[in-house]
Amino acid sequence: MPDPTTGDLSKAGSVHDDELIRAVDAVLAKPETGPYPIGGGYLLDFAAKIEAHEPSANALADPEAKPGWRRTAILMARPVKG
């Protein structure tokens, strides 16, 4: 799968839902979280990936954004093999 999103990896079973839940909770608690292991040998540098994707950055920066939007923003990020 070329350049998968975290959501793609979840659907493919490469990353388990509980790993993503922990990762999402970590970045929502501390947005400057650096490279975070999400399983399957993947790392996601949330701060860099989200900053590079304007809709994700806007969703996470908006304290009024619905939690679902904030989580979706993270699932749209593209991890790298670590």
N, C-alpha and C. Protein backbone atom coordinates (compact mmCIF):
# COMPACT_ATOMS: atom_id res chain seq x y z
N MET A 1 0.85 -1.17 0.00
CA MET A 1 0.00 0.00 0.00
C MET A 1 0.90 1.24 0.00
N PRO A 2 0.90 2.01 -1.07
CA PRO A 2 1.78 3.19 -1.13
C PRO A 2 1.27 4.34 -0.26
N ASP A 3 2.14 4.83 0.60
CA ASP A 3 1.86 6.01 1.42
C ASP A 3 0.50 5.95 2.14
N PRO A 4 0.26 4.91 2.95
CA PRO A 4 -1.04 4.76 3.60
C PRO A 4 -1.26 5.77 4.73
N THR A 5 -2.52 6.06 4.99
CA THR A 5 -2.87 6.87 6.16
C THR A 5 -2.96 5.93 7.36
N THR A 6 -3.04 6.48 8.55
CA THR A 6 -3.22 5.64 9.73
C THR A 6 -4.55 4.89 9.63
N GLY A 7 -5.56 5.54 9.06
CA GLY A 7 -6.84 4.89 8.86
C GLY A 7 -6.73 3.70 7.92
N ASP A 8 -5.95 3.85 6.83
CA ASP A 8 -5.72 2.75 5.90
C ASP A 8 -5.06 1.57 6.60
N LEU A 9 -4.08 1.87 7.43
CA LEU A 9 -3.37 0.81 8.15
C LEU A 9 -4.29 0.08 9.12
N SER A 10 -5.20 0.81 9.71
CA SER A 10 -6.17 0.21 10.61
C SER A 10 -7.10 -0.73 9.85
N LYS A 11 -7.61 -0.25 8.73
CA LYS A 11 -8.51 -1.08 7.92
C LYS A 11 -7.82 -2.34 7.42
N ALA A 12 -6.53 -2.24 7.10
CA ALA A 12 -5.76 -3.39 6.60
C ALA A 12 -5.34 -4.34 7.71
N GLY A 13 -5.51 -3.93 8.97
CA GLY A 13 -5.12 -4.76 10.10
C GLY A 13 -3.65 -4.64 10.46
N SER A 14 -2.93 -3.71 9.83
CA SER A 14 -1.52 -3.51 10.13
C SER A 14 -1.32 -2.82 11.47
N VAL A 15 -2.29 -2.03 11.86
CA VAL A 15 -2.28 -1.32 13.13
C VAL A 15 -3.61 -1.61 13.81
N HIS A 16 -3.57 -2.01 15.06
CA HIS A 16 -4.79 -2.36 15.78
C HIS A 16 -5.47 -1.11 16.33
N ASP A 17 -6.79 -1.20 16.45
CA ASP A 17 -7.58 -0.06 16.92
C ASP A 17 -7.12 0.44 18.28
N ASP A 18 -6.76 -0.47 19.20
CA ASP A 18 -6.34 -0.03 20.53
C ASP A 18 -5.05 0.79 20.45
N GLU A 19 -4.17 0.46 19.50
CA GLU A 19 -2.94 1.24 19.30
C GLU A 19 -3.28 2.65 18.82
N LEU A 20 -4.23 2.73 17.89
CA LEU A 20 -4.63 4.04 17.38
C LEU A 20 -5.33 4.86 18.45
N ILE A 21 -6.14 4.22 19.25
CA ILE A 21 -6.83 4.94 20.33
C ILE A 21 -5.81 5.54 21.29
N ARG A 22 -4.79 4.76 21.67
CA ARG A 22 -3.74 5.29 22.56
C ARG A 22 -2.99 6.44 21.90
N ALA A 23 -2.70 6.29 20.61
CA ALA A 23 -1.97 7.33 19.88
C ALA A 23 -2.80 8.61 19.78
N VAL A 24 -4.05 8.47 19.43
CA VAL A 24 -4.93 9.64 19.32
C VAL A 24 -5.07 10.32 20.66
N ASP A 25 -5.29 9.55 21.72
CA ASP A 25 -5.41 10.14 23.05
C ASP A 25 -4.14 10.88 23.45
N ALA A 26 -2.99 10.31 23.09
CA ALA A 26 -1.71 10.96 23.44
C ALA A 26 -1.56 12.30 22.73
N VAL A 27 -1.88 12.34 21.45
CA VAL A 27 -1.70 13.59 20.72
C VAL A 27 -2.76 14.63 21.10
N LEU A 28 -3.96 14.19 21.43
CA LEU A 28 -4.97 15.15 21.88
C LEU A 28 -4.59 15.73 23.24
N ALA A 29 -3.95 14.92 24.09
CA ALA A 29 -3.53 15.40 25.40
C ALA A 29 -2.31 16.32 25.29
N LYS A 30 -1.44 16.04 24.31
CA LYS A 30 -0.20 16.80 24.17
C LYS A 30 0.12 16.90 22.67
N PRO A 31 -0.44 17.91 21.97
CA PRO A 31 -0.30 18.01 20.51
C PRO A 31 1.14 18.04 20.00
N GLU A 32 2.09 18.44 20.82
CA GLU A 32 3.48 18.51 20.36
C GLU A 32 4.18 17.15 20.46
N THR A 33 3.42 16.08 20.74
CA THR A 33 3.98 14.74 20.82
C THR A 33 4.81 14.46 19.57
N GLY A 34 6.01 13.96 19.77
CA GLY A 34 6.91 13.65 18.64
C GLY A 34 6.57 12.31 18.03
N PRO A 35 7.52 11.70 17.33
CA PRO A 35 7.26 10.41 16.69
C PRO A 35 6.68 9.40 17.68
N TYR A 36 5.53 8.87 17.32
CA TYR A 36 4.79 7.99 18.21
C TYR A 36 4.63 6.63 17.53
N PRO A 37 5.03 5.54 18.19
CA PRO A 37 4.87 4.22 17.58
C PRO A 37 3.39 3.82 17.57
N ILE A 38 2.91 3.40 16.40
CA ILE A 38 1.50 3.01 16.31
C ILE A 38 1.34 1.54 15.94
N GLY A 39 2.40 0.79 15.98
CA GLY A 39 2.31 -0.63 15.68
C GLY A 39 2.66 -0.92 14.23
N GLY A 40 2.83 -2.19 13.94
CA GLY A 40 3.17 -2.60 12.59
C GLY A 40 4.50 -2.04 12.12
N GLY A 41 5.33 -1.57 13.06
CA GLY A 41 6.61 -0.98 12.70
C GLY A 41 6.49 0.44 12.18
N TYR A 42 5.35 1.08 12.38
CA TYR A 42 5.13 2.44 11.90
C TYR A 42 5.29 3.45 13.03
N LEU A 43 5.77 4.61 12.65
CA LEU A 43 5.86 5.77 13.54
C LEU A 43 5.08 6.91 12.91
N LEU A 44 4.46 7.69 13.74
CA LEU A 44 3.74 8.85 13.24
C LEU A 44 4.22 10.06 14.00
N ASP A 45 4.82 10.99 13.29
CA ASP A 45 5.22 12.26 13.89
C ASP A 45 4.02 13.18 13.76
N PHE A 46 3.17 13.11 14.76
CA PHE A 46 1.91 13.84 14.72
C PHE A 46 2.09 15.32 14.46
N ALA A 47 2.98 15.93 15.21
CA ALA A 47 3.16 17.38 15.08
C ALA A 47 3.52 17.77 13.65
N ALA A 48 4.47 17.07 13.05
CA ALA A 48 4.91 17.40 11.69
C ALA A 48 3.84 17.09 10.66
N LYS A 49 3.22 15.93 10.75
CA LYS A 49 2.22 15.52 9.77
C LYS A 49 0.97 16.39 9.84
N ILE A 50 0.55 16.69 11.04
CA ILE A 50 -0.66 17.49 11.20
C ILE A 50 -0.41 18.92 10.77
N GLU A 51 0.74 19.46 11.12
CA GLU A 51 1.09 20.82 10.71
C GLU A 51 1.13 20.94 9.19
N ALA A 52 1.58 19.88 8.52
CA ALA A 52 1.68 19.90 7.06
C ALA A 52 0.33 19.76 6.37
N HIS A 53 -0.69 19.34 7.08
CA HIS A 53 -2.03 19.15 6.51
C HIS A 53 -2.96 20.20 7.12
N GLU A 54 -3.22 21.26 6.38
CA GLU A 54 -3.94 22.41 6.92
C GLU A 54 -5.28 22.06 7.56
N PRO A 55 -6.14 21.23 6.94
CA PRO A 55 -7.41 20.91 7.62
C PRO A 55 -7.19 20.21 8.97
N SER A 56 -6.18 19.34 9.04
CA SER A 56 -5.90 18.67 10.31
C SER A 56 -5.40 19.67 11.35
N ALA A 57 -4.49 20.54 10.93
CA ALA A 57 -3.96 21.55 11.85
C ALA A 57 -5.08 22.44 12.36
N ASN A 58 -5.98 22.84 11.48
CA ASN A 58 -7.10 23.71 11.88
C ASN A 58 -8.02 22.99 12.86
N ALA A 59 -8.32 21.73 12.59
CA ALA A 59 -9.21 20.97 13.47
C ALA A 59 -8.61 20.81 14.86
N LEU A 60 -7.31 20.53 14.92
CA LEU A 60 -6.68 20.34 16.23
C LEU A 60 -6.47 21.64 16.97
N ALA A 61 -6.34 22.74 16.24
CA ALA A 61 -6.12 24.03 16.88
C ALA A 61 -7.43 24.66 17.38
N ASP A 62 -8.55 24.17 16.88
CA ASP A 62 -9.84 24.76 17.22
C ASP A 62 -10.42 24.07 18.46
N PRO A 63 -10.44 24.77 19.60
CA PRO A 63 -10.96 24.15 20.81
C PRO A 63 -12.46 23.85 20.71
N GLU A 64 -13.14 24.46 19.74
CA GLU A 64 -14.56 24.22 19.55
C GLU A 64 -14.84 23.06 18.59
N ALA A 65 -13.78 22.52 17.98
CA ALA A 65 -13.95 21.41 17.03
C ALA A 65 -14.49 20.19 17.76
N LYS A 66 -15.38 19.50 17.11
CA LYS A 66 -15.94 18.29 17.70
C LYS A 66 -14.84 17.25 17.84
N PRO A 67 -14.88 16.44 18.90
CA PRO A 67 -13.85 15.41 19.09
C PRO A 67 -13.69 14.50 17.88
N GLY A 68 -14.78 14.17 17.22
CA GLY A 68 -14.69 13.31 16.04
C GLY A 68 -13.86 13.92 14.94
N TRP A 69 -13.98 15.24 14.75
CA TRP A 69 -13.18 15.93 13.73
C TRP A 69 -11.71 15.88 14.09
N ARG A 70 -11.42 16.05 15.36
CA ARG A 70 -10.03 16.04 15.79
C ARG A 70 -9.42 14.65 15.60
N ARG A 71 -10.16 13.61 15.93
CA ARG A 71 -9.67 12.25 15.74
C ARG A 71 -9.51 11.93 14.26
N THR A 72 -10.45 12.36 13.44
CA THR A 72 -10.36 12.14 12.00
C THR A 72 -9.12 12.80 11.43
N ALA A 73 -8.79 13.98 11.92
CA ALA A 73 -7.60 14.68 11.45
C ALA A 73 -6.36 13.82 11.67
N ILE A 74 -6.29 13.16 12.80
CA ILE A 74 -5.14 12.31 13.11
C ILE A 74 -5.13 11.07 12.22
N LEU A 75 -6.29 10.50 11.97
CA LEU A 75 -6.37 9.30 11.14
C LEU A 75 -6.00 9.58 9.69
N MET A 76 -6.07 10.83 9.27
CA MET A 76 -5.71 11.20 7.91
C MET A 76 -4.21 11.36 7.72
N ALA A 77 -3.47 11.43 8.82
CA ALA A 77 -2.01 11.59 8.73
C ALA A 77 -1.38 10.33 8.15
N ARG A 78 -0.19 10.49 7.58
CA ARG A 78 0.52 9.38 6.94
C ARG A 78 1.78 9.03 7.74
N PRO A 79 1.80 7.84 8.33
CA PRO A 79 2.96 7.43 9.11
C PRO A 79 4.11 6.95 8.23
N VAL A 80 5.26 6.76 8.84
CA VAL A 80 6.43 6.23 8.13
C VAL A 80 6.86 4.95 8.83
N LYS A 81 7.50 4.08 8.07
CA LYS A 81 8.05 2.87 8.68
C LYS A 81 9.20 3.28 9.58
N GLY A 82 9.18 2.78 10.82
CA GLY A 82 10.19 3.18 11.78
C GLY A 82 11.31 2.22 11.90
